[in-house]
Amino acid sequence: MSVAYNACGSDTTVNTNFVTVYDYPLPLSSNDTTINIGDNATIWSSGGMTYQWSPNNGTIACATCSASIVNPTVTTQYIVTVSNSPYCKVQDTVNVIVDINCGDFFVPNVFSPNDDGLNDFINVHGRCIQSFVLQIFNRWGEKVFETSSMSESWDGTWRGKKLDTGVFVYSAEGTSIDGQNFKFKGNITLLR
């Protein structure tokens, strides 16, 4: 409220137009980090009222959150735009370095599905498998198991019955996250 004076007297006025002043955003962001291919990382920033992460290429769980989980398959620089108002914006970066060492892909050559908790199942092993098919055949060439799921393993049964000790042939082929194809065959010994 302000008072105005002149030769005729004085009057009181009420100002309704105020200017809101925001502090300049000072972002504090997470440090650069290194992950193995296929793993996730958490990136975060603070110091503002709104956040916008980019590149929004499907690797960011929440592009408008102050903290988010990311899962890049290649080294990526994430840029966060931190703002306190539509006019006051500051950017910061977080680098997520992806280690693309996938290691070896293999199928063990022996297992003992005797419910002792050790080597009871057989499946494809590897750190960064994107897709695969594993097929297992008995000595007569009959397919006794097939899967394309990392969470599904062979327990040494076929048609609901436990198979006897024996040697089985497998074929495994697929693609890793970094685009490499793999294909191998071998024998699996089932021990009871």
N, C-alpha and C. Protein backbone atom coordinates (compact mmCIF):
# COMPACT_ATOMS: atom_id res chain seq x y z
N MET A 1 0.85 -1.16 0.00
CA MET A 1 0.00 0.00 0.00
C MET A 1 0.90 1.23 0.00
N SER A 2 0.49 2.24 -0.77
CA SER A 2 1.29 3.46 -0.82
C SER A 2 0.36 4.67 -0.72
N VAL A 3 0.93 5.78 -0.27
CA VAL A 3 0.16 7.03 -0.11
C VAL A 3 0.69 8.04 -1.13
N ALA A 4 -0.23 8.70 -1.87
CA ALA A 4 0.15 9.71 -2.86
C ALA A 4 -0.29 11.08 -2.35
N TYR A 5 0.58 12.11 -2.46
CA TYR A 5 0.29 13.47 -2.02
C TYR A 5 0.36 14.41 -3.21
N ASN A 6 -0.54 15.43 -3.20
CA ASN A 6 -0.45 16.54 -4.14
C ASN A 6 -1.09 17.76 -3.49
N ALA A 7 -1.27 18.86 -4.25
CA ALA A 7 -1.80 20.11 -3.70
C ALA A 7 -3.22 19.97 -3.21
N CYS A 8 -3.96 18.98 -3.71
CA CYS A 8 -5.35 18.80 -3.33
C CYS A 8 -5.52 17.90 -2.12
N GLY A 9 -4.48 17.25 -1.69
CA GLY A 9 -4.61 16.35 -0.56
C GLY A 9 -3.79 15.08 -0.77
N SER A 10 -4.27 13.99 -0.18
CA SER A 10 -3.57 12.71 -0.28
C SER A 10 -4.57 11.59 -0.53
N ASP A 11 -4.09 10.50 -1.02
CA ASP A 11 -4.95 9.34 -1.27
C ASP A 11 -4.09 8.09 -1.06
N THR A 12 -4.75 7.00 -0.75
CA THR A 12 -4.07 5.72 -0.54
C THR A 12 -4.36 4.81 -1.74
N THR A 13 -3.32 4.17 -2.21
CA THR A 13 -3.50 3.22 -3.33
C THR A 13 -2.97 1.84 -2.91
N VAL A 14 -3.59 0.84 -3.50
CA VAL A 14 -3.16 -0.54 -3.24
C VAL A 14 -2.58 -1.09 -4.55
N ASN A 15 -1.35 -1.53 -4.50
CA ASN A 15 -0.70 -2.11 -5.67
C ASN A 15 -1.00 -3.60 -5.71
N THR A 16 -1.54 -4.06 -6.84
CA THR A 16 -1.86 -5.48 -6.97
C THR A 16 -0.92 -6.20 -7.93
N ASN A 17 -0.09 -5.46 -8.60
CA ASN A 17 0.87 -6.09 -9.52
C ASN A 17 2.21 -6.22 -8.82
N PHE A 18 2.53 -7.47 -8.45
CA PHE A 18 3.80 -7.72 -7.77
C PHE A 18 4.69 -8.53 -8.69
N VAL A 19 5.95 -8.35 -8.56
CA VAL A 19 6.92 -9.13 -9.30
C VAL A 19 7.48 -10.18 -8.35
N THR A 20 7.36 -11.45 -8.75
CA THR A 20 7.91 -12.52 -7.93
C THR A 20 9.33 -12.78 -8.41
N VAL A 21 10.25 -12.77 -7.49
CA VAL A 21 11.66 -13.00 -7.80
C VAL A 21 12.05 -14.36 -7.24
N TYR A 22 12.55 -15.20 -8.13
CA TYR A 22 13.01 -16.53 -7.72
C TYR A 22 14.52 -16.51 -7.64
N ASP A 23 15.05 -17.31 -6.72
CA ASP A 23 16.49 -17.49 -6.69
C ASP A 23 16.92 -18.19 -7.97
N TYR A 24 18.11 -17.89 -8.42
CA TYR A 24 18.66 -18.56 -9.60
C TYR A 24 18.89 -20.02 -9.22
N PRO A 25 18.41 -20.99 -10.02
CA PRO A 25 18.59 -22.38 -9.64
C PRO A 25 20.08 -22.76 -9.64
N LEU A 26 20.48 -23.46 -8.62
CA LEU A 26 21.85 -23.94 -8.52
C LEU A 26 21.80 -25.46 -8.43
N PRO A 27 21.84 -26.13 -9.58
CA PRO A 27 21.69 -27.58 -9.56
C PRO A 27 22.89 -28.28 -8.95
N LEU A 28 22.58 -29.31 -8.18
CA LEU A 28 23.57 -30.23 -7.65
C LEU A 28 23.15 -31.59 -8.18
N SER A 29 23.98 -32.20 -9.02
CA SER A 29 23.60 -33.44 -9.68
C SER A 29 24.51 -34.58 -9.26
N SER A 30 24.02 -35.80 -9.53
CA SER A 30 24.80 -37.00 -9.19
C SER A 30 26.10 -37.03 -9.98
N ASN A 31 27.06 -37.77 -9.47
CA ASN A 31 28.35 -37.91 -10.12
C ASN A 31 28.22 -38.83 -11.33
N ASP A 32 29.18 -38.74 -12.24
CA ASP A 32 29.24 -39.69 -13.34
C ASP A 32 29.41 -41.08 -12.74
N THR A 33 28.89 -42.08 -13.45
CA THR A 33 28.95 -43.45 -12.93
C THR A 33 29.20 -44.43 -14.05
N THR A 34 29.74 -45.59 -13.71
CA THR A 34 29.98 -46.67 -14.66
C THR A 34 29.14 -47.87 -14.28
N ILE A 35 28.47 -48.45 -15.28
CA ILE A 35 27.66 -49.64 -15.05
C ILE A 35 28.04 -50.71 -16.06
N ASN A 36 27.71 -51.96 -15.76
CA ASN A 36 27.86 -53.04 -16.73
C ASN A 36 26.67 -53.00 -17.66
N ILE A 37 26.86 -53.42 -18.90
CA ILE A 37 25.77 -53.43 -19.86
C ILE A 37 24.64 -54.30 -19.30
N GLY A 38 23.42 -53.81 -19.42
CA GLY A 38 22.26 -54.51 -18.89
C GLY A 38 21.86 -54.08 -17.50
N ASP A 39 22.73 -53.33 -16.79
CA ASP A 39 22.42 -52.85 -15.44
C ASP A 39 21.75 -51.47 -15.50
N ASN A 40 21.22 -51.04 -14.36
CA ASN A 40 20.59 -49.73 -14.22
C ASN A 40 21.46 -48.82 -13.36
N ALA A 41 21.21 -47.53 -13.46
CA ALA A 41 21.85 -46.53 -12.60
C ALA A 41 20.78 -45.53 -12.17
N THR A 42 20.98 -44.93 -11.02
CA THR A 42 20.10 -43.85 -10.56
C THR A 42 20.83 -42.53 -10.75
N ILE A 43 20.17 -41.61 -11.47
CA ILE A 43 20.71 -40.26 -11.64
C ILE A 43 19.77 -39.30 -10.94
N TRP A 44 20.31 -38.20 -10.41
CA TRP A 44 19.47 -37.24 -9.69
C TRP A 44 20.05 -35.84 -9.80
N SER A 45 19.18 -34.88 -9.51
CA SER A 45 19.59 -33.49 -9.43
C SER A 45 18.70 -32.80 -8.41
N SER A 46 19.21 -31.73 -7.82
CA SER A 46 18.42 -30.95 -6.85
C SER A 46 18.70 -29.47 -7.09
N GLY A 47 18.00 -28.61 -6.37
CA GLY A 47 18.24 -27.18 -6.47
C GLY A 47 17.24 -26.42 -7.31
N GLY A 48 16.17 -27.06 -7.73
CA GLY A 48 15.16 -26.38 -8.54
C GLY A 48 13.76 -26.82 -8.18
N MET A 49 12.81 -26.31 -8.94
CA MET A 49 11.40 -26.68 -8.74
C MET A 49 10.94 -27.69 -9.78
N THR A 50 11.48 -27.63 -11.00
CA THR A 50 11.13 -28.59 -12.04
C THR A 50 12.41 -29.11 -12.68
N TYR A 51 12.30 -30.32 -13.27
CA TYR A 51 13.45 -30.99 -13.86
C TYR A 51 13.03 -31.60 -15.20
N GLN A 52 13.93 -31.55 -16.15
CA GLN A 52 13.69 -32.19 -17.46
C GLN A 52 14.99 -32.86 -17.89
N TRP A 53 14.96 -34.20 -17.99
CA TRP A 53 16.13 -34.98 -18.40
C TRP A 53 16.05 -35.28 -19.89
N SER A 54 17.20 -35.28 -20.54
CA SER A 54 17.28 -35.68 -21.93
C SER A 54 18.64 -36.37 -22.14
N PRO A 55 18.83 -37.16 -23.15
CA PRO A 55 17.86 -37.47 -24.19
C PRO A 55 16.80 -38.43 -23.67
N ASN A 56 15.57 -38.15 -24.02
CA ASN A 56 14.46 -39.00 -23.59
C ASN A 56 14.27 -40.07 -24.68
N ASN A 57 15.19 -41.03 -24.70
CA ASN A 57 15.25 -42.04 -25.75
C ASN A 57 14.78 -43.41 -25.27
N GLY A 58 13.96 -43.43 -24.26
CA GLY A 58 13.45 -44.69 -23.74
C GLY A 58 14.31 -45.31 -22.67
N THR A 59 15.43 -44.68 -22.33
CA THR A 59 16.30 -45.23 -21.29
C THR A 59 16.07 -44.58 -19.93
N ILE A 60 15.22 -43.54 -19.87
CA ILE A 60 14.95 -42.81 -18.62
C ILE A 60 13.58 -43.22 -18.10
N ALA A 61 13.52 -43.68 -16.85
CA ALA A 61 12.23 -44.10 -16.28
C ALA A 61 11.29 -42.91 -16.10
N CYS A 62 11.81 -41.76 -15.64
CA CYS A 62 10.99 -40.58 -15.42
C CYS A 62 11.78 -39.35 -15.86
N ALA A 63 11.43 -38.78 -17.00
CA ALA A 63 12.18 -37.66 -17.57
C ALA A 63 11.92 -36.33 -16.86
N THR A 64 10.89 -36.26 -16.00
CA THR A 64 10.56 -35.00 -15.32
C THR A 64 10.72 -35.10 -13.81
N CYS A 65 11.36 -36.15 -13.33
CA CYS A 65 11.58 -36.31 -11.88
C CYS A 65 12.97 -35.79 -11.51
N SER A 66 13.13 -35.42 -10.26
CA SER A 66 14.45 -34.98 -9.82
C SER A 66 15.43 -36.15 -9.78
N ALA A 67 14.92 -37.37 -9.54
CA ALA A 67 15.74 -38.58 -9.56
C ALA A 67 15.06 -39.61 -10.45
N SER A 68 15.86 -40.35 -11.19
CA SER A 68 15.29 -41.34 -12.10
C SER A 68 16.26 -42.49 -12.29
N ILE A 69 15.71 -43.63 -12.69
CA ILE A 69 16.52 -44.79 -13.02
C ILE A 69 16.71 -44.79 -14.54
N VAL A 70 17.96 -45.05 -14.97
CA VAL A 70 18.27 -45.11 -16.39
C VAL A 70 18.89 -46.46 -16.70
N ASN A 71 18.69 -46.94 -17.92
CA ASN A 71 19.29 -48.22 -18.34
C ASN A 71 19.81 -48.12 -19.77
N PRO A 72 20.87 -47.33 -19.97
CA PRO A 72 21.42 -47.21 -21.32
C PRO A 72 22.20 -48.46 -21.71
N THR A 73 22.27 -48.73 -23.01
CA THR A 73 23.09 -49.84 -23.50
C THR A 73 24.41 -49.35 -24.10
N VAL A 74 24.55 -48.04 -24.22
CA VAL A 74 25.81 -47.42 -24.65
C VAL A 74 26.08 -46.24 -23.71
N THR A 75 27.33 -45.81 -23.65
CA THR A 75 27.67 -44.66 -22.81
C THR A 75 26.83 -43.46 -23.24
N THR A 76 26.18 -42.80 -22.26
CA THR A 76 25.24 -41.73 -22.55
C THR A 76 25.48 -40.55 -21.62
N GLN A 77 25.43 -39.34 -22.17
CA GLN A 77 25.47 -38.13 -21.35
C GLN A 77 24.04 -37.64 -21.19
N TYR A 78 23.55 -37.65 -19.96
CA TYR A 78 22.21 -37.17 -19.65
C TYR A 78 22.31 -35.70 -19.25
N ILE A 79 21.44 -34.89 -19.82
CA ILE A 79 21.40 -33.45 -19.53
C ILE A 79 20.14 -33.17 -18.75
N VAL A 80 20.28 -32.50 -17.61
CA VAL A 80 19.11 -32.12 -16.83
C VAL A 80 18.97 -30.60 -16.90
N THR A 81 17.76 -30.15 -17.20
CA THR A 81 17.43 -28.72 -17.17
C THR A 81 16.65 -28.47 -15.89
N VAL A 82 17.24 -27.68 -15.01
CA VAL A 82 16.65 -27.38 -13.70
C VAL A 82 16.10 -25.96 -13.77
N SER A 83 14.85 -25.78 -13.32
CA SER A 83 14.28 -24.44 -13.38
C SER A 83 13.48 -24.12 -12.12
N ASN A 84 13.41 -22.81 -11.85
CA ASN A 84 12.59 -22.29 -10.76
C ASN A 84 11.40 -21.51 -11.29
N SER A 85 11.42 -21.16 -12.58
CA SER A 85 10.34 -20.43 -13.22
C SER A 85 10.46 -20.69 -14.72
N PRO A 86 9.49 -20.26 -15.51
CA PRO A 86 9.62 -20.48 -16.96
C PRO A 86 10.81 -19.76 -17.59
N TYR A 87 11.39 -18.78 -16.90
CA TYR A 87 12.43 -17.95 -17.48
C TYR A 87 13.81 -18.22 -16.91
N CYS A 88 13.88 -18.95 -15.83
CA CYS A 88 15.14 -19.13 -15.12
C CYS A 88 15.52 -20.61 -15.15
N LYS A 89 16.39 -21.00 -16.10
CA LYS A 89 16.76 -22.40 -16.28
C LYS A 89 18.28 -22.55 -16.32
N VAL A 90 18.75 -23.67 -15.77
CA VAL A 90 20.17 -23.99 -15.78
C VAL A 90 20.31 -25.46 -16.13
N GLN A 91 21.37 -25.81 -16.87
CA GLN A 91 21.59 -27.21 -17.24
C GLN A 91 22.83 -27.77 -16.54
N ASP A 92 22.77 -29.08 -16.32
CA ASP A 92 23.90 -29.82 -15.77
C ASP A 92 23.93 -31.17 -16.48
N THR A 93 25.03 -31.89 -16.39
CA THR A 93 25.13 -33.18 -17.07
C THR A 93 25.58 -34.27 -16.10
N VAL A 94 25.15 -35.50 -16.43
CA VAL A 94 25.58 -36.70 -15.72
C VAL A 94 25.93 -37.72 -16.80
N ASN A 95 27.16 -38.23 -16.76
CA ASN A 95 27.59 -39.25 -17.71
C ASN A 95 27.41 -40.63 -17.11
N VAL A 96 26.75 -41.53 -17.85
CA VAL A 96 26.64 -42.93 -17.45
C VAL A 96 27.46 -43.72 -18.46
N ILE A 97 28.58 -44.25 -17.98
CA ILE A 97 29.51 -44.98 -18.83
C ILE A 97 29.13 -46.46 -18.77
N VAL A 98 28.93 -47.07 -19.94
CA VAL A 98 28.48 -48.46 -20.02
C VAL A 98 29.66 -49.35 -20.40
N ASP A 99 29.98 -50.30 -19.51
CA ASP A 99 31.02 -51.29 -19.77
C ASP A 99 30.38 -52.43 -20.54
N ILE A 100 30.81 -52.64 -21.77
CA ILE A 100 30.18 -53.62 -22.65
C ILE A 100 30.92 -54.96 -22.63
N ASN A 101 31.53 -55.32 -21.53
CA ASN A 101 32.20 -56.61 -21.41
C ASN A 101 31.15 -57.65 -21.04
N CYS A 102 30.69 -58.38 -22.04
CA CYS A 102 29.62 -59.36 -21.81
C CYS A 102 30.13 -60.69 -21.29
N GLY A 103 31.40 -60.93 -21.39
CA GLY A 103 31.92 -62.21 -20.94
C GLY A 103 31.54 -63.32 -21.90
N ASP A 104 31.69 -64.55 -21.44
CA ASP A 104 31.40 -65.72 -22.28
C ASP A 104 29.96 -66.17 -22.09
N PHE A 105 29.41 -66.73 -23.16
CA PHE A 105 28.11 -67.39 -23.10
C PHE A 105 28.39 -68.88 -23.07
N PHE A 106 27.73 -69.62 -22.18
CA PHE A 106 28.00 -71.05 -22.10
C PHE A 106 26.82 -71.79 -21.50
N VAL A 107 26.83 -73.09 -21.73
CA VAL A 107 25.90 -74.03 -21.11
C VAL A 107 26.76 -75.03 -20.37
N PRO A 108 26.54 -75.25 -19.08
CA PRO A 108 27.35 -76.24 -18.36
C PRO A 108 27.23 -77.62 -19.01
N ASN A 109 28.26 -78.44 -18.87
CA ASN A 109 28.25 -79.74 -19.52
C ASN A 109 27.84 -80.89 -18.60
N VAL A 110 27.52 -80.59 -17.36
CA VAL A 110 27.05 -81.63 -16.44
C VAL A 110 26.15 -80.98 -15.39
N PHE A 111 25.12 -81.72 -14.98
CA PHE A 111 24.27 -81.25 -13.87
C PHE A 111 23.66 -82.46 -13.19
N SER A 112 23.20 -82.24 -11.96
CA SER A 112 22.67 -83.34 -11.14
C SER A 112 21.34 -82.91 -10.53
N PRO A 113 20.24 -83.11 -11.25
CA PRO A 113 18.93 -82.68 -10.74
C PRO A 113 18.38 -83.63 -9.68
N ASN A 114 19.04 -83.61 -8.50
CA ASN A 114 18.65 -84.51 -7.41
C ASN A 114 18.06 -83.75 -6.21
N ASP A 115 17.67 -82.50 -6.44
CA ASP A 115 17.02 -81.67 -5.41
C ASP A 115 17.89 -81.41 -4.18
N ASP A 116 19.22 -81.40 -4.37
CA ASP A 116 20.10 -81.07 -3.24
C ASP A 116 20.45 -79.57 -3.22
N GLY A 117 19.91 -78.81 -4.18
CA GLY A 117 20.16 -77.37 -4.24
C GLY A 117 21.45 -77.01 -4.96
N LEU A 118 22.20 -77.98 -5.46
CA LEU A 118 23.44 -77.74 -6.19
C LEU A 118 23.33 -78.32 -7.59
N ASN A 119 23.49 -77.48 -8.60
CA ASN A 119 23.49 -77.92 -9.99
C ASN A 119 22.24 -78.72 -10.37
N ASP A 120 21.09 -78.29 -9.88
CA ASP A 120 19.83 -79.00 -10.15
C ASP A 120 19.20 -78.62 -11.48
N PHE A 121 19.69 -77.55 -12.12
CA PHE A 121 19.07 -77.05 -13.35
C PHE A 121 20.14 -76.75 -14.38
N ILE A 122 19.73 -76.72 -15.64
CA ILE A 122 20.64 -76.37 -16.73
C ILE A 122 20.01 -75.25 -17.54
N ASN A 123 20.83 -74.26 -17.92
CA ASN A 123 20.37 -73.16 -18.76
C ASN A 123 21.56 -72.43 -19.37
N VAL A 124 21.27 -71.47 -20.21
CA VAL A 124 22.33 -70.66 -20.84
C VAL A 124 22.80 -69.64 -19.82
N HIS A 125 24.12 -69.44 -19.75
CA HIS A 125 24.71 -68.44 -18.86
C HIS A 125 25.39 -67.36 -19.69
N GLY A 126 25.28 -66.13 -19.24
CA GLY A 126 25.90 -64.99 -19.90
C GLY A 126 25.34 -63.71 -19.30
N ARG A 127 26.16 -62.65 -19.28
CA ARG A 127 25.76 -61.42 -18.60
C ARG A 127 24.82 -60.54 -19.41
N CYS A 128 24.89 -60.58 -20.71
CA CYS A 128 24.08 -59.61 -21.46
C CYS A 128 23.41 -60.25 -22.67
N ILE A 129 22.63 -61.26 -22.41
CA ILE A 129 21.90 -61.94 -23.47
C ILE A 129 20.60 -61.18 -23.73
N GLN A 130 20.39 -60.81 -24.97
CA GLN A 130 19.15 -60.12 -25.35
C GLN A 130 18.07 -61.13 -25.72
N SER A 131 18.43 -62.11 -26.53
CA SER A 131 17.48 -63.14 -26.92
C SER A 131 18.25 -64.42 -27.22
N PHE A 132 17.62 -65.57 -27.02
CA PHE A 132 18.27 -66.84 -27.28
C PHE A 132 17.22 -67.94 -27.37
N VAL A 133 17.63 -69.09 -27.90
CA VAL A 133 16.84 -70.31 -27.89
C VAL A 133 17.78 -71.43 -27.47
N LEU A 134 17.38 -72.18 -26.47
CA LEU A 134 18.13 -73.36 -26.02
C LEU A 134 17.25 -74.58 -26.27
N GLN A 135 17.81 -75.58 -26.98
CA GLN A 135 17.11 -76.83 -27.24
C GLN A 135 17.98 -77.98 -26.74
N ILE A 136 17.34 -78.95 -26.08
CA ILE A 136 18.04 -80.12 -25.57
C ILE A 136 17.37 -81.37 -26.14
N PHE A 137 18.20 -82.31 -26.63
CA PHE A 137 17.70 -83.53 -27.29
C PHE A 137 18.25 -84.76 -26.58
N ASN A 138 17.46 -85.84 -26.57
CA ASN A 138 17.96 -87.10 -26.04
C ASN A 138 18.77 -87.82 -27.11
N ARG A 139 19.27 -89.03 -26.83
CA ARG A 139 20.15 -89.74 -27.77
C ARG A 139 19.43 -90.23 -29.02
N TRP A 140 18.11 -90.19 -29.03
CA TRP A 140 17.34 -90.56 -30.21
C TRP A 140 16.92 -89.33 -31.03
N GLY A 141 17.37 -88.15 -30.62
CA GLY A 141 17.07 -86.93 -31.36
C GLY A 141 15.74 -86.30 -31.01
N GLU A 142 15.09 -86.79 -29.96
CA GLU A 142 13.81 -86.21 -29.53
C GLU A 142 14.10 -84.97 -28.68
N LYS A 143 13.38 -83.90 -28.97
CA LYS A 143 13.56 -82.68 -28.19
C LYS A 143 12.89 -82.88 -26.83
N VAL A 144 13.70 -82.78 -25.75
CA VAL A 144 13.16 -82.98 -24.40
C VAL A 144 12.98 -81.65 -23.66
N PHE A 145 13.54 -80.55 -24.23
CA PHE A 145 13.40 -79.25 -23.57
C PHE A 145 13.72 -78.15 -24.58
N GLU A 146 12.99 -77.03 -24.48
CA GLU A 146 13.27 -75.84 -25.28
C GLU A 146 12.82 -74.62 -24.49
N THR A 147 13.63 -73.56 -24.53
CA THR A 147 13.26 -72.31 -23.87
C THR A 147 13.92 -71.13 -24.57
N SER A 148 13.30 -69.98 -24.41
CA SER A 148 13.90 -68.71 -24.84
C SER A 148 13.82 -67.71 -23.70
N SER A 149 13.68 -68.22 -22.47
CA SER A 149 13.55 -67.38 -21.28
C SER A 149 14.70 -67.67 -20.31
N MET A 150 15.38 -66.61 -19.87
CA MET A 150 16.46 -66.77 -18.90
C MET A 150 15.95 -67.30 -17.56
N SER A 151 14.68 -67.12 -17.28
CA SER A 151 14.13 -67.56 -15.99
C SER A 151 13.64 -69.01 -16.03
N GLU A 152 13.73 -69.65 -17.19
CA GLU A 152 13.28 -71.03 -17.32
C GLU A 152 14.49 -71.94 -17.54
N SER A 153 14.62 -72.95 -16.70
CA SER A 153 15.74 -73.88 -16.77
C SER A 153 15.22 -75.31 -16.90
N TRP A 154 16.08 -76.20 -17.41
CA TRP A 154 15.71 -77.61 -17.52
C TRP A 154 16.04 -78.32 -16.23
N ASP A 155 15.09 -79.07 -15.73
CA ASP A 155 15.24 -79.79 -14.46
C ASP A 155 15.49 -81.28 -14.64
N GLY A 156 15.77 -81.73 -15.86
CA GLY A 156 16.06 -83.13 -16.11
C GLY A 156 14.82 -84.00 -16.27
N THR A 157 13.67 -83.37 -16.53
CA THR A 157 12.44 -84.14 -16.73
C THR A 157 11.99 -84.00 -18.18
N TRP A 158 11.16 -84.97 -18.59
CA TRP A 158 10.54 -84.92 -19.92
C TRP A 158 9.18 -85.56 -19.79
N ARG A 159 8.18 -84.82 -20.24
CA ARG A 159 6.79 -85.26 -20.16
C ARG A 159 6.40 -85.64 -18.72
N GLY A 160 6.93 -84.84 -17.78
CA GLY A 160 6.59 -85.00 -16.36
C GLY A 160 7.35 -86.10 -15.64
N LYS A 161 8.27 -86.79 -16.29
CA LYS A 161 9.02 -87.88 -15.67
C LYS A 161 10.50 -87.51 -15.57
N LYS A 162 11.14 -87.91 -14.47
CA LYS A 162 12.58 -87.70 -14.31
C LYS A 162 13.33 -88.64 -15.24
N LEU A 163 14.25 -88.08 -16.00
CA LEU A 163 15.05 -88.89 -16.92
C LEU A 163 16.22 -89.52 -16.18
N ASP A 164 16.63 -90.67 -16.66
CA ASP A 164 17.77 -91.38 -16.06
C ASP A 164 19.08 -90.71 -16.42
N THR A 165 20.13 -91.11 -15.72
CA THR A 165 21.47 -90.65 -16.04
C THR A 165 21.74 -90.90 -17.52
N GLY A 166 22.34 -89.91 -18.17
CA GLY A 166 22.63 -90.07 -19.59
C GLY A 166 23.27 -88.82 -20.16
N VAL A 167 23.58 -88.87 -21.44
CA VAL A 167 24.19 -87.75 -22.15
C VAL A 167 23.16 -87.20 -23.13
N PHE A 168 23.01 -85.89 -23.13
CA PHE A 168 22.06 -85.19 -23.98
C PHE A 168 22.82 -84.19 -24.84
N VAL A 169 22.26 -83.86 -25.98
CA VAL A 169 22.87 -82.89 -26.89
C VAL A 169 22.07 -81.59 -26.80
N TYR A 170 22.78 -80.47 -26.80
CA TYR A 170 22.10 -79.17 -26.78
C TYR A 170 22.54 -78.31 -27.95
N SER A 171 21.68 -77.36 -28.29
CA SER A 171 21.97 -76.33 -29.28
C SER A 171 21.48 -75.02 -28.68
N ALA A 172 22.36 -74.03 -28.67
CA ALA A 172 22.00 -72.70 -28.15
C ALA A 172 22.43 -71.64 -29.15
N GLU A 173 21.54 -70.72 -29.44
CA GLU A 173 21.90 -69.59 -30.31
C GLU A 173 21.09 -68.37 -29.89
N GLY A 174 21.69 -67.20 -30.12
CA GLY A 174 21.01 -65.97 -29.75
C GLY A 174 21.82 -64.74 -30.07
N THR A 175 21.42 -63.64 -29.46
CA THR A 175 22.04 -62.34 -29.67
C THR A 175 22.28 -61.67 -28.33
N SER A 176 23.44 -61.03 -28.19
CA SER A 176 23.73 -60.30 -26.96
C SER A 176 23.24 -58.86 -27.08
N ILE A 177 23.20 -58.16 -25.97
CA ILE A 177 22.73 -56.78 -25.94
C ILE A 177 23.57 -55.88 -26.84
N ASP A 178 24.86 -56.20 -26.98
CA ASP A 178 25.72 -55.37 -27.82
C ASP A 178 25.69 -55.79 -29.29
N GLY A 179 24.72 -56.66 -29.68
CA GLY A 179 24.50 -57.00 -31.07
C GLY A 179 25.29 -58.17 -31.60
N GLN A 180 26.07 -58.84 -30.76
CA GLN A 180 26.85 -59.99 -31.22
C GLN A 180 25.98 -61.24 -31.22
N ASN A 181 26.13 -62.04 -32.27
CA ASN A 181 25.41 -63.31 -32.36
C ASN A 181 26.28 -64.42 -31.78
N PHE A 182 25.64 -65.40 -31.15
CA PHE A 182 26.37 -66.56 -30.67
C PHE A 182 25.58 -67.82 -31.05
N LYS A 183 26.33 -68.89 -31.28
CA LYS A 183 25.72 -70.17 -31.61
C LYS A 183 26.71 -71.26 -31.21
N PHE A 184 26.26 -72.20 -30.41
CA PHE A 184 27.13 -73.30 -30.02
C PHE A 184 26.31 -74.54 -29.71
N LYS A 185 26.99 -75.69 -29.79
CA LYS A 185 26.39 -76.99 -29.54
C LYS A 185 27.31 -77.77 -28.63
N GLY A 186 26.75 -78.75 -27.96
CA GLY A 186 27.59 -79.56 -27.08
C GLY A 186 26.79 -80.65 -26.41
N ASN A 187 27.43 -81.31 -25.46
CA ASN A 187 26.82 -82.39 -24.70
C ASN A 187 26.59 -81.97 -23.25
N ILE A 188 25.53 -82.49 -22.67
CA ILE A 188 25.22 -82.29 -21.26
C ILE A 188 25.08 -83.68 -20.64
N THR A 189 25.78 -83.91 -19.56
CA THR A 189 25.65 -85.17 -18.84
C THR A 189 24.72 -84.94 -17.66
N LEU A 190 23.67 -85.74 -17.59
CA LEU A 190 22.73 -85.71 -16.48
C LEU A 190 23.12 -86.82 -15.51
N LEU A 191 23.40 -86.46 -14.27
CA LEU A 191 23.78 -87.42 -13.24
C LEU A 191 22.69 -87.48 -12.17
N ARG A 192 22.26 -88.67 -11.84
CA ARG A 192 21.28 -88.84 -10.76
C ARG A 192 21.94 -89.37 -9.52
